[in-house]
Amino acid sequence: MAPDFVCHFINELDWKGIEGAKNAISNHRISFPDWNEDIVDIIAEEGKVVTRYKSTGTHQGKFNGLDSTGIKVTIFETSIYRIANGKLVEQWGFPDALSLNNQLRVKK
């Protein structure tokens, strides 16, 4: 990851730099400590890589104003990465936020 890395996530503030990425990931791990991402598809061409991945995790901490539900969620996400000099310099992330929110609001 390049020191000036920027991550653009739909409906969220950009993450900037390595420390920004570490903070965003650490905060997400508080909400979903067992978060896992498995790549389903990957395409690479001329300095860009696109991944589609299946993400799973158990909601154990506050997320988007919602207290822990204990619900295990599964969503699909897509990310586009720009690579320069062998390092990630930019990412655009497209999680299925609607599916995630719907799963978290389901009553057990």
PDB file of N, CA and C in Angstrom:
ATOM      1  N   MET A   1       0.846  -1.163   0.000  1.00  0.00           N
ATOM      2  CA  MET A   1       0.000   0.000   0.000  1.00  0.00           C
ATOM      3  C   MET A   1       0.898   1.236   0.000  1.00  0.00           C
ATOM      4  N   ALA A   2       0.592   2.174  -0.873  1.00  0.00           N
ATOM      5  CA  ALA A   2       1.373   3.408  -0.969  1.00  0.00           C
ATOM      6  C   ALA A   2       1.047   4.336   0.213  1.00  0.00           C
ATOM      7  N   PRO A   3       2.006   5.133   0.643  1.00  0.00           N
ATOM      8  CA  PRO A   3       1.760   6.047   1.772  1.00  0.00           C
ATOM      9  C   PRO A   3       0.611   7.027   1.510  1.00  0.00           C
ATOM     10  N   ASP A   4       0.374   7.370   0.236  1.00  0.00           N
ATOM     11  CA  ASP A   4      -0.693   8.315  -0.092  1.00  0.00           C
ATOM     12  C   ASP A   4      -1.955   7.609  -0.601  1.00  0.00           C
ATOM     13  N   PHE A   5      -2.119   6.339  -0.229  1.00  0.00           N
ATOM     14  CA  PHE A   5      -3.281   5.539  -0.596  1.00  0.00           C
ATOM     15  C   PHE A   5      -4.578   6.260  -0.243  1.00  0.00           C
ATOM     16  N   VAL A   6      -5.585   6.141  -1.115  1.00  0.00           N
ATOM     17  CA  VAL A   6      -6.918   6.700  -0.850  1.00  0.00           C
ATOM     18  C   VAL A   6      -7.951   5.634  -1.159  1.00  0.00           C
ATOM     19  N   CYS A   7      -8.876   5.431  -0.235  1.00  0.00           N
ATOM     20  CA  CYS A   7      -9.968   4.479  -0.428  1.00  0.00           C
ATOM     21  C   CYS A   7     -11.282   5.240  -0.449  1.00  0.00           C
ATOM     22  N   HIS A   8     -12.047   5.039  -1.510  1.00  0.00           N
ATOM     23  CA  HIS A   8     -13.357   5.659  -1.657  1.00  0.00           C
ATOM     24  C   HIS A   8     -14.407   4.565  -1.459  1.00  0.00           C
ATOM     25  N   PHE A   9     -15.212   4.687  -0.418  1.00  0.00           N
ATOM     26  CA  PHE A   9     -16.288   3.726  -0.192  1.00  0.00           C
ATOM     27  C   PHE A   9     -17.602   4.452  -0.359  1.00  0.00           C
ATOM     28  N   ILE A  10     -18.537   3.797  -1.005  1.00  0.00           N
ATOM     29  CA  ILE A  10     -19.846   4.386  -1.243  1.00  0.00           C
ATOM     30  C   ILE A  10     -20.468   4.803   0.093  1.00  0.00           C
ATOM     31  N   ASN A  11     -20.972   6.007   0.160  1.00  0.00           N
ATOM     32  CA  ASN A  11     -21.665   6.553   1.341  1.00  0.00           C
ATOM     33  C   ASN A  11     -20.792   6.664   2.586  1.00  0.00           C
ATOM     34  N   GLU A  12     -19.486   6.657   2.436  1.00  0.00           N
ATOM     35  CA  GLU A  12     -18.600   6.806   3.601  1.00  0.00           C
ATOM     36  C   GLU A  12     -17.509   7.813   3.271  1.00  0.00           C
ATOM     37  N   LEU A  13     -16.858   8.289   4.298  1.00  0.00           N
ATOM     38  CA  LEU A  13     -15.718   9.177   4.092  1.00  0.00           C
ATOM     39  C   LEU A  13     -14.552   8.382   3.529  1.00  0.00           C
ATOM     40  N   ASP A  14     -13.719   9.063   2.738  1.00  0.00           N
ATOM     41  CA  ASP A  14     -12.533   8.409   2.193  1.00  0.00           C
ATOM     42  C   ASP A  14     -11.563   8.058   3.311  1.00  0.00           C
ATOM     43  N   TRP A  15     -10.829   6.956   3.120  1.00  0.00           N
ATOM     44  CA  TRP A  15      -9.706   6.627   3.990  1.00  0.00           C
ATOM     45  C   TRP A  15      -8.486   7.146   3.271  1.00  0.00           C
ATOM     46  N   LYS A  16      -7.582   7.753   4.010  1.00  0.00           N
ATOM     47  CA  LYS A  16      -6.376   8.292   3.386  1.00  0.00           C
ATOM     48  C   LYS A  16      -5.148   7.800   4.110  1.00  0.00           C
ATOM     49  N   GLY A  17      -4.177   7.340   3.347  1.00  0.00           N
ATOM     50  CA  GLY A  17      -2.906   6.901   3.890  1.00  0.00           C
ATOM     51  C   GLY A  17      -3.002   5.535   4.559  1.00  0.00           C
ATOM     52  N   ILE A  18      -1.857   5.026   4.905  1.00  0.00           N
ATOM     53  CA  ILE A  18      -1.781   3.710   5.547  1.00  0.00           C
ATOM     54  C   ILE A  18      -2.459   3.746   6.912  1.00  0.00           C
ATOM     55  N   GLU A  19      -2.230   4.798   7.681  1.00  0.00           N
ATOM     56  CA  GLU A  19      -2.853   4.903   9.010  1.00  0.00           C
ATOM     57  C   GLU A  19      -4.370   5.010   8.900  1.00  0.00           C
ATOM     58  N   GLY A  20      -4.866   5.730   7.899  1.00  0.00           N
ATOM     59  CA  GLY A  20      -6.310   5.834   7.687  1.00  0.00           C
ATOM     60  C   GLY A  20      -6.922   4.476   7.385  1.00  0.00           C
ATOM     61  N   ALA A  21      -6.232   3.686   6.560  1.00  0.00           N
ATOM     62  CA  ALA A  21      -6.705   2.338   6.237  1.00  0.00           C
ATOM     63  C   ALA A  21      -6.693   1.460   7.485  1.00  0.00           C
ATOM     64  N   LYS A  22      -5.606   1.533   8.258  1.00  0.00           N
ATOM     65  CA  LYS A  22      -5.523   0.732   9.487  1.00  0.00           C
ATOM     66  C   LYS A  22      -6.655   1.083  10.447  1.00  0.00           C
ATOM     67  N   ASN A  23      -6.931   2.378  10.610  1.00  0.00           N
ATOM     68  CA  ASN A  23      -7.996   2.818  11.514  1.00  0.00           C
ATOM     69  C   ASN A  23      -9.363   2.336  11.050  1.00  0.00           C
ATOM     70  N   ALA A  24      -9.641   2.465   9.748  1.00  0.00           N
ATOM     71  CA  ALA A  24     -10.940   2.038   9.219  1.00  0.00           C
ATOM     72  C   ALA A  24     -11.135   0.538   9.394  1.00  0.00           C
ATOM     73  N   ILE A  25     -10.108  -0.231   9.106  1.00  0.00           N
ATOM     74  CA  ILE A  25     -10.196  -1.686   9.245  1.00  0.00           C
ATOM     75  C   ILE A  25     -10.336  -2.070  10.718  1.00  0.00           C
ATOM     76  N   SER A  26      -9.559  -1.435  11.589  1.00  0.00           N
ATOM     77  CA  SER A  26      -9.657  -1.721  13.031  1.00  0.00           C
ATOM     78  C   SER A  26     -11.054  -1.417  13.562  1.00  0.00           C
ATOM     79  N   ASN A  27     -11.630  -0.300  13.136  1.00  0.00           N
ATOM     80  CA  ASN A  27     -12.977   0.062  13.584  1.00  0.00           C
ATOM     81  C   ASN A  27     -14.008  -0.948  13.089  1.00  0.00           C
ATOM     82  N   HIS A  28     -13.857  -1.409  11.862  1.00  0.00           N
ATOM     83  CA  HIS A  28     -14.792  -2.406  11.326  1.00  0.00           C
ATOM     84  C   HIS A  28     -14.671  -3.724  12.095  1.00  0.00           C
ATOM     85  N   ARG A  29     -13.442  -4.057  12.495  1.00  0.00           N
ATOM     86  CA  ARG A  29     -13.206  -5.300  13.257  1.00  0.00           C
ATOM     87  C   ARG A  29     -13.809  -5.239  14.658  1.00  0.00           C
ATOM     88  N   ILE A  30     -14.040  -4.055  15.189  1.00  0.00           N
ATOM     89  CA  ILE A  30     -14.731  -3.929  16.476  1.00  0.00           C
ATOM     90  C   ILE A  30     -16.188  -4.353  16.300  1.00  0.00           C
ATOM     91  N   SER A  31     -16.793  -3.942  15.187  1.00  0.00           N
ATOM     92  CA  SER A  31     -18.188  -4.291  14.911  1.00  0.00           C
ATOM     93  C   SER A  31     -18.343  -5.748  14.492  1.00  0.00           C
ATOM     94  N   PHE A  32     -17.373  -6.253  13.709  1.00  0.00           N
ATOM     95  CA  PHE A  32     -17.414  -7.612  13.162  1.00  0.00           C
ATOM     96  C   PHE A  32     -16.045  -8.272  13.364  1.00  0.00           C
ATOM     97  N   PRO A  33     -15.743  -8.762  14.572  1.00  0.00           N
ATOM     98  CA  PRO A  33     -14.405  -9.277  14.857  1.00  0.00           C
ATOM     99  C   PRO A  33     -13.985 -10.473  14.005  1.00  0.00           C
ATOM    100  N   ASP A  34     -14.954 -11.233  13.503  1.00  0.00           N
ATOM    101  CA  ASP A  34     -14.619 -12.406  12.691  1.00  0.00           C
ATOM    102  C   ASP A  34     -14.796 -12.147  11.190  1.00  0.00           C
ATOM    103  N   TRP A  35     -14.773 -10.882  10.777  1.00  0.00           N
ATOM    104  CA  TRP A  35     -14.992 -10.519   9.367  1.00  0.00           C
ATOM    105  C   TRP A  35     -14.006 -11.266   8.476  1.00  0.00           C
ATOM    106  N   ASN A  36     -14.531 -11.850   7.398  1.00  0.00           N
ATOM    107  CA  ASN A  36     -13.697 -12.607   6.462  1.00  0.00           C
ATOM    108  C   ASN A  36     -14.137 -12.281   5.042  1.00  0.00           C
ATOM    109  N   GLU A  37     -13.174 -12.168   4.146  1.00  0.00           N
ATOM    110  CA  GLU A  37     -13.461 -11.888   2.743  1.00  0.00           C
ATOM    111  C   GLU A  37     -12.815 -12.960   1.880  1.00  0.00           C
ATOM    112  N   ASP A  38     -13.638 -13.618   1.055  1.00  0.00           N
ATOM    113  CA  ASP A  38     -13.153 -14.638   0.127  1.00  0.00           C
ATOM    114  C   ASP A  38     -13.365 -14.145  -1.301  1.00  0.00           C
ATOM    115  N   ILE A  39     -12.295 -14.101  -2.076  1.00  0.00           N
ATOM    116  CA  ILE A  39     -12.380 -13.641  -3.460  1.00  0.00           C
ATOM    117  C   ILE A  39     -13.151 -14.657  -4.296  1.00  0.00           C
ATOM    118  N   VAL A  40     -14.134 -14.152  -5.042  1.00  0.00           N
ATOM    119  CA  VAL A  40     -14.940 -14.966  -5.941  1.00  0.00           C
ATOM    120  C   VAL A  40     -14.444 -14.786  -7.374  1.00  0.00           C
ATOM    121  N   ASP A  41     -14.164 -13.547  -7.761  1.00  0.00           N
ATOM    122  CA  ASP A  41     -13.649 -13.216  -9.095  1.00  0.00           C
ATOM    123  C   ASP A  41     -12.560 -12.171  -8.975  1.00  0.00           C
ATOM    124  N   ILE A  42     -11.594 -12.236  -9.883  1.00  0.00           N
ATOM    125  CA  ILE A  42     -10.541 -11.227  -9.924  1.00  0.00           C
ATOM    126  C   ILE A  42     -10.152 -11.006 -11.385  1.00  0.00           C
ATOM    127  N   ILE A  43     -10.066  -9.734 -11.764  1.00  0.00           N
ATOM    128  CA  ILE A  43      -9.698  -9.360 -13.129  1.00  0.00           C
ATOM    129  C   ILE A  43      -8.630  -8.277 -13.017  1.00  0.00           C
ATOM    130  N   ALA A  44      -7.561  -8.424 -13.783  1.00  0.00           N
ATOM    131  CA  ALA A  44      -6.481  -7.435 -13.756  1.00  0.00           C
ATOM    132  C   ALA A  44      -6.161  -6.993 -15.175  1.00  0.00           C
ATOM    133  N   GLU A  45      -5.977  -5.686 -15.336  1.00  0.00           N
ATOM    134  CA  GLU A  45      -5.625  -5.141 -16.645  1.00  0.00           C
ATOM    135  C   GLU A  45      -5.045  -3.742 -16.491  1.00  0.00           C
ATOM    136  N   GLU A  46      -3.883  -3.517 -17.052  1.00  0.00           N
ATOM    137  CA  GLU A  46      -3.246  -2.201 -17.149  1.00  0.00           C
ATOM    138  C   GLU A  46      -3.317  -1.370 -15.866  1.00  0.00           C
ATOM    139  N   GLY A  47      -2.768  -1.876 -14.808  1.00  0.00           N
ATOM    140  CA  GLY A  47      -2.662  -1.104 -13.568  1.00  0.00           C
ATOM    141  C   GLY A  47      -3.913  -1.070 -12.717  1.00  0.00           C
ATOM    142  N   LYS A  48      -4.925  -1.850 -13.091  1.00  0.00           N
ATOM    143  CA  LYS A  48      -6.139  -1.912 -12.280  1.00  0.00           C
ATOM    144  C   LYS A  48      -6.501  -3.367 -12.024  1.00  0.00           C
ATOM    145  N   VAL A  49      -7.048  -3.605 -10.827  1.00  0.00           N
ATOM    146  CA  VAL A  49      -7.508  -4.935 -10.448  1.00  0.00           C
ATOM    147  C   VAL A  49      -8.926  -4.776  -9.903  1.00  0.00           C
ATOM    148  N   VAL A  50      -9.820  -5.646 -10.365  1.00  0.00           N
ATOM    149  CA  VAL A  50     -11.200  -5.660  -9.876  1.00  0.00           C
ATOM    150  C   VAL A  50     -11.423  -6.987  -9.165  1.00  0.00           C
ATOM    151  N   THR A  51     -11.958  -6.909  -7.962  1.00  0.00           N
ATOM    152  CA  THR A  51     -12.290  -8.131  -7.225  1.00  0.00           C
ATOM    153  C   THR A  51     -13.768  -8.108  -6.851  1.00  0.00           C
ATOM    154  N   ARG A  52     -14.359  -9.286  -6.890  1.00  0.00           N
ATOM    155  CA  ARG A  52     -15.693  -9.501  -6.328  1.00  0.00           C
ATOM    156  C   ARG A  52     -15.489 -10.528  -5.247  1.00  0.00           C
ATOM    157  N   TYR A  53     -15.974 -10.233  -4.057  1.00  0.00           N
ATOM    158  CA  TYR A  53     -15.707 -11.130  -2.948  1.00  0.00           C
ATOM    159  C   TYR A  53     -16.926 -11.282  -2.045  1.00  0.00           C
ATOM    160  N   LYS A  54     -16.956 -12.432  -1.387  1.00  0.00           N
ATOM    161  CA  LYS A  54     -18.005 -12.761  -0.424  1.00  0.00           C
ATOM    162  C   LYS A  54     -17.462 -12.434   0.958  1.00  0.00           C
ATOM    163  N   SER A  55     -18.195 -11.609   1.684  1.00  0.00           N
ATOM    164  CA  SER A  55     -17.775 -11.196   3.023  1.00  0.00           C
ATOM    165  C   SER A  55     -18.762 -11.727   4.052  1.00  0.00           C
ATOM    166  N   THR A  56     -18.217 -12.224   5.153  1.00  0.00           N
ATOM    167  CA  THR A  56     -19.044 -12.744   6.237  1.00  0.00           C
ATOM    168  C   THR A  56     -18.520 -12.224   7.568  1.00  0.00           C
ATOM    169  N   GLY A  57     -19.414 -12.116   8.524  1.00  0.00           N
ATOM    170  CA  GLY A  57     -19.000 -11.714   9.863  1.00  0.00           C
ATOM    171  C   GLY A  57     -20.181 -11.699  10.806  1.00  0.00           C
ATOM    172  N   THR A  58     -19.876 -11.713  12.093  1.00  0.00           N
ATOM    173  CA  THR A  58     -20.900 -11.691  13.128  1.00  0.00           C
ATOM    174  C   THR A  58     -20.904 -10.315  13.783  1.00  0.00           C
ATOM    175  N   HIS A  59     -22.064  -9.695  13.816  1.00  0.00           N
ATOM    176  CA  HIS A  59     -22.214  -8.338  14.350  1.00  0.00           C
ATOM    177  C   HIS A  59     -22.090  -8.362  15.875  1.00  0.00           C
ATOM    178  N   GLN A  60     -20.916  -7.954  16.379  1.00  0.00           N
ATOM    179  CA  GLN A  60     -20.625  -8.015  17.815  1.00  0.00           C
ATOM    180  C   GLN A  60     -20.441  -6.648  18.468  1.00  0.00           C
ATOM    181  N   GLY A  61     -20.450  -5.580  17.673  1.00  0.00           N
ATOM    182  CA  GLY A  61     -20.261  -4.241  18.235  1.00  0.00           C
ATOM    183  C   GLY A  61     -21.088  -3.238  17.459  1.00  0.00           C
ATOM    184  N   LYS A  62     -21.200  -2.031  17.992  1.00  0.00           N
ATOM    185  CA  LYS A  62     -22.014  -0.990  17.368  1.00  0.00           C
ATOM    186  C   LYS A  62     -21.583  -0.783  15.912  1.00  0.00           C
ATOM    187  N   PHE A  63     -22.568  -0.707  15.008  1.00  0.00           N
ATOM    188  CA  PHE A  63     -22.305  -0.502  13.585  1.00  0.00           C
ATOM    189  C   PHE A  63     -23.416   0.368  13.008  1.00  0.00           C
ATOM    190  N   ASN A  64     -23.044   1.490  12.438  1.00  0.00           N
ATOM    191  CA  ASN A  64     -24.020   2.419  11.857  1.00  0.00           C
ATOM    192  C   ASN A  64     -25.146   2.753  12.845  1.00  0.00           C
ATOM    193  N   GLY A  65     -24.786   2.944  14.101  1.00  0.00           N
ATOM    194  CA  GLY A  65     -25.756   3.309  15.122  1.00  0.00           C
ATOM    195  C   GLY A  65     -26.562   2.153  15.685  1.00  0.00           C
ATOM    196  N   LEU A  66     -26.304   0.940  15.200  1.00  0.00           N
ATOM    197  CA  LEU A  66     -27.045  -0.233  15.664  1.00  0.00           C
ATOM    198  C   LEU A  66     -26.185  -1.018  16.650  1.00  0.00           C
ATOM    199  N   ASP A  67     -26.710  -1.243  17.845  1.00  0.00           N
ATOM    200  CA  ASP A  67     -25.990  -2.042  18.837  1.00  0.00           C
ATOM    201  C   ASP A  67     -25.837  -3.477  18.359  1.00  0.00           C
ATOM    202  N   SER A  68     -24.920  -4.199  18.960  1.00  0.00           N
ATOM    203  CA  SER A  68     -24.638  -5.588  18.608  1.00  0.00           C
ATOM    204  C   SER A  68     -25.917  -6.422  18.565  1.00  0.00           C
ATOM    205  N   THR A  69     -26.047  -7.220  17.495  1.00  0.00           N
ATOM    206  CA  THR A  69     -27.213  -8.098  17.346  1.00  0.00           C
ATOM    207  C   THR A  69     -26.836  -9.567  17.448  1.00  0.00           C
ATOM    208  N   GLY A  70     -25.555  -9.883  17.277  1.00  0.00           N
ATOM    209  CA  GLY A  70     -25.131 -11.281  17.247  1.00  0.00           C
ATOM    210  C   GLY A  70     -25.473 -11.988  15.952  1.00  0.00           C
ATOM    211  N   ILE A  71     -25.988 -11.232  14.976  1.00  0.00           N
ATOM    212  CA  ILE A  71     -26.401 -11.819  13.695  1.00  0.00           C
ATOM    213  C   ILE A  71     -25.183 -12.035  12.803  1.00  0.00           C
ATOM    214  N   LYS A  72     -25.097 -13.226  12.211  1.00  0.00           N
ATOM    215  CA  LYS A  72     -24.054 -13.538  11.229  1.00  0.00           C
ATOM    216  C   LYS A  72     -24.572 -13.065   9.872  1.00  0.00           C
ATOM    217  N   VAL A  73     -23.769 -12.239   9.197  1.00  0.00           N
ATOM    218  CA  VAL A  73     -24.170 -11.674   7.909  1.00  0.00           C
ATOM    219  C   VAL A  73     -23.278 -12.197   6.790  1.00  0.00           C
ATOM    220  N   THR A  74     -23.825 -12.181   5.587  1.00  0.00           N
ATOM    221  CA  THR A  74     -23.083 -12.517   4.376  1.00  0.00           C
ATOM    222  C   THR A  74     -23.475 -11.512   3.311  1.00  0.00           C
ATOM    223  N   ILE A  75     -22.482 -10.859   2.729  1.00  0.00           N
ATOM    224  CA  ILE A  75     -22.740  -9.932   1.625  1.00  0.00           C
ATOM    225  C   ILE A  75     -21.688 -10.155   0.539  1.00  0.00           C
ATOM    226  N   PHE A  76     -21.970  -9.623  -0.623  1.00  0.00           N
ATOM    227  CA  PHE A  76     -20.986  -9.608  -1.702  1.00  0.00           C
ATOM    228  C   PHE A  76     -20.539  -8.174  -1.907  1.00  0.00           C
ATOM    229  N   GLU A  77     -19.263  -8.010  -2.198  1.00  0.00           N
ATOM    230  CA  GLU A  77     -18.678  -6.692  -2.415  1.00  0.00           C
ATOM    231  C   GLU A  77     -17.856  -6.711  -3.695  1.00  0.00           C
ATOM    232  N   THR A  78     -17.674  -5.530  -4.263  1.00  0.00           N
ATOM    233  CA  THR A  78     -16.787  -5.364  -5.405  1.00  0.00           C
ATOM    234  C   THR A  78     -15.840  -4.217  -5.092  1.00  0.00           C
ATOM    235  N   SER A  79     -14.583  -4.383  -5.429  1.00  0.00           N
ATOM    236  CA  SER A  79     -13.600  -3.314  -5.273  1.00  0.00           C
ATOM    237  C   SER A  79     -12.781  -3.181  -6.544  1.00  0.00           C
ATOM    238  N   ILE A  80     -12.444  -1.947  -6.858  1.00  0.00           N
ATOM    239  CA  ILE A  80     -11.534  -1.644  -7.960  1.00  0.00           C
ATOM    240  C   ILE A  80     -10.294  -1.016  -7.336  1.00  0.00           C
ATOM    241  N   TYR A  81      -9.151  -1.548  -7.675  1.00  0.00           N
ATOM    242  CA  TYR A  81      -7.886  -1.039  -7.134  1.00  0.00           C
ATOM    243  C   TYR A  81      -7.044  -0.483  -8.266  1.00  0.00           C
ATOM    244  N   ARG A  82      -6.390   0.643  -8.007  1.00  0.00           N
ATOM    245  CA  ARG A  82      -5.395   1.181  -8.942  1.00  0.00           C
ATOM    246  C   ARG A  82      -4.032   0.930  -8.333  1.00  0.00           C
ATOM    247  N   ILE A  83      -3.139   0.394  -9.146  1.00  0.00           N
ATOM    248  CA  ILE A  83      -1.799   0.026  -8.687  1.00  0.00           C
ATOM    249  C   ILE A  83      -0.773   0.845  -9.451  1.00  0.00           C
ATOM    250  N   ALA A  84       0.206   1.357  -8.738  1.00  0.00           N
ATOM    251  CA  ALA A  84       1.322   2.089  -9.364  1.00  0.00           C
ATOM    252  C   ALA A  84       2.601   1.714  -8.630  1.00  0.00           C
ATOM    253  N   ASN A  85       3.640   1.456  -9.371  1.00  0.00           N
ATOM    254  CA  ASN A  85       4.931   1.074  -8.796  1.00  0.00           C
ATOM    255  C   ASN A  85       4.808  -0.100  -7.828  1.00  0.00           C
ATOM    256  N   GLY A  86       3.919  -1.042  -8.158  1.00  0.00           N
ATOM    257  CA  GLY A  86       3.764  -2.253  -7.352  1.00  0.00           C
ATOM    258  C   GLY A  86       3.016  -2.070  -6.043  1.00  0.00           C
ATOM    259  N   LYS A  87       2.369  -0.907  -5.852  1.00  0.00           N
ATOM    260  CA  LYS A  87       1.649  -0.646  -4.602  1.00  0.00           C
ATOM    261  C   LYS A  87       0.223  -0.203  -4.897  1.00  0.00           C
ATOM    262  N   LEU A  88      -0.675  -0.512  -3.948  1.00  0.00           N
ATOM    263  CA  LEU A  88      -2.045  -0.013  -4.052  1.00  0.00           C
ATOM    264  C   LEU A  88      -2.030   1.480  -3.783  1.00  0.00           C
ATOM    265  N   VAL A  89      -2.583   2.264  -4.723  1.00  0.00           N
ATOM    266  CA  VAL A  89      -2.627   3.707  -4.519  1.00  0.00           C
ATOM    267  C   VAL A  89      -4.046   4.238  -4.363  1.00  0.00           C
ATOM    268  N   GLU A  90      -5.023   3.456  -4.861  1.00  0.00           N
ATOM    269  CA  GLU A  90      -6.398   3.916  -4.765  1.00  0.00           C
ATOM    270  C   GLU A  90      -7.341   2.714  -4.816  1.00  0.00           C
ATOM    271  N   GLN A  91      -8.464   2.836  -4.087  1.00  0.00           N
ATOM    272  CA  GLN A  91      -9.479   1.782  -4.074  1.00  0.00           C
ATOM    273  C   GLN A  91     -10.855   2.431  -4.109  1.00  0.00           C
ATOM    274  N   TRP A  92     -11.753   1.816  -4.859  1.00  0.00           N
ATOM    275  CA  TRP A  92     -13.155   2.175  -4.864  1.00  0.00           C
ATOM    276  C   TRP A  92     -13.901   0.949  -4.385  1.00  0.00           C
ATOM    277  N   GLY A  93     -14.644   1.066  -3.282  1.00  0.00           N
ATOM    278  CA  GLY A  93     -15.325  -0.081  -2.696  1.00  0.00           C
ATOM    279  C   GLY A  93     -16.828   0.031  -2.822  1.00  0.00           C
ATOM    280  N   PHE A  94     -17.445  -1.093  -3.197  1.00  0.00           N
ATOM    281  CA  PHE A  94     -18.892  -1.146  -3.400  1.00  0.00           C
ATOM    282  C   PHE A  94     -19.489  -2.337  -2.644  1.00  0.00           C
ATOM    283  N   PRO A  95     -19.676  -2.198  -1.331  1.00  0.00           N
ATOM    284  CA  PRO A  95     -20.314  -3.280  -0.566  1.00  0.00           C
ATOM    285  C   PRO A  95     -21.820  -3.269  -0.820  1.00  0.00           C
ATOM    286  N   ASP A  96     -22.451  -4.404  -0.649  1.00  0.00           N
ATOM    287  CA  ASP A  96     -23.905  -4.489  -0.757  1.00  0.00           C
ATOM    288  C   ASP A  96     -24.491  -4.026   0.573  1.00  0.00           C
ATOM    289  N   ALA A  97     -24.473  -2.710   0.773  1.00  0.00           N
ATOM    290  CA  ALA A  97     -24.904  -2.114   2.038  1.00  0.00           C
ATOM    291  C   ALA A  97     -26.379  -2.371   2.319  1.00  0.00           C
ATOM    292  N   LEU A  98     -27.206  -2.402   1.287  1.00  0.00           N
ATOM    293  CA  LEU A  98     -28.634  -2.663   1.487  1.00  0.00           C
ATOM    294  C   LEU A  98     -28.844  -4.052   2.082  1.00  0.00           C
ATOM    295  N   SER A  99     -28.165  -5.046   1.520  1.00  0.00           N
ATOM    296  CA  SER A  99     -28.280  -6.410   2.046  1.00  0.00           C
ATOM    297  C   SER A  99     -27.766  -6.485   3.478  1.00  0.00           C
ATOM    298  N   LEU A 100     -26.642  -5.829   3.748  1.00  0.00           N
ATOM    299  CA  LEU A 100     -26.085  -5.834   5.100  1.00  0.00           C
ATOM    300  C   LEU A 100     -27.072  -5.226   6.090  1.00  0.00           C
ATOM    301  N   ASN A 101     -27.602  -4.061   5.758  1.00  0.00           N
ATOM    302  CA  ASN A 101     -28.553  -3.404   6.662  1.00  0.00           C
ATOM    303  C   ASN A 101     -29.818  -4.231   6.849  1.00  0.00           C
ATOM    304  N   ASN A 102     -30.313  -4.837   5.771  1.00  0.00           N
ATOM    305  CA  ASN A 102     -31.503  -5.686   5.897  1.00  0.00           C
ATOM    306  C   ASN A 102     -31.256  -6.875   6.807  1.00  0.00           C
ATOM    307  N   GLN A 103     -30.093  -7.502   6.686  1.00  0.00           N
ATOM    308  CA  GLN A 103     -29.778  -8.665   7.533  1.00  0.00           C
ATOM    309  C   GLN A 103     -29.673  -8.258   9.008  1.00  0.00           C
ATOM    310  N   LEU A 104     -29.112  -7.101   9.272  1.00  0.00           N
ATOM    311  CA  LEU A 104     -28.929  -6.671  10.660  1.00  0.00           C
ATOM    312  C   LEU A 104     -30.229  -6.235  11.317  1.00  0.00           C
ATOM    313  N   ARG A 105     -31.208  -5.898  10.549  1.00  0.00           N
ATOM    314  CA  ARG A 105     -32.472  -5.442  11.117  1.00  0.00           C
ATOM    315  C   ARG A 105     -33.494  -6.572  11.230  1.00  0.00           C
ATOM    316  N   VAL A 106     -33.117  -7.770  10.825  1.00  0.00           N
ATOM    317  CA  VAL A 106     -33.998  -8.933  10.956  1.00  0.00           C
ATOM    318  C   VAL A 106     -34.033  -9.344  12.424  1.00  0.00           C
ATOM    319  N   LYS A 107     -35.196  -9.561  12.941  1.00  0.00           N
ATOM    320  CA  LYS A 107     -35.328 -10.019  14.331  1.00  0.00           C
ATOM    321  C   LYS A 107     -35.079 -11.515  14.388  1.00  0.00           C
ATOM    322  N   LYS A 108     -34.347 -11.947  15.411  1.00  0.00           N
ATOM    323  CA  LYS A 108     -34.071 -13.382  15.592  1.00  0.00           C
ATOM    324  C   LYS A 108     -35.303 -14.091  16.077  1.00  0.00           C
TER     325      LYS A 108
END
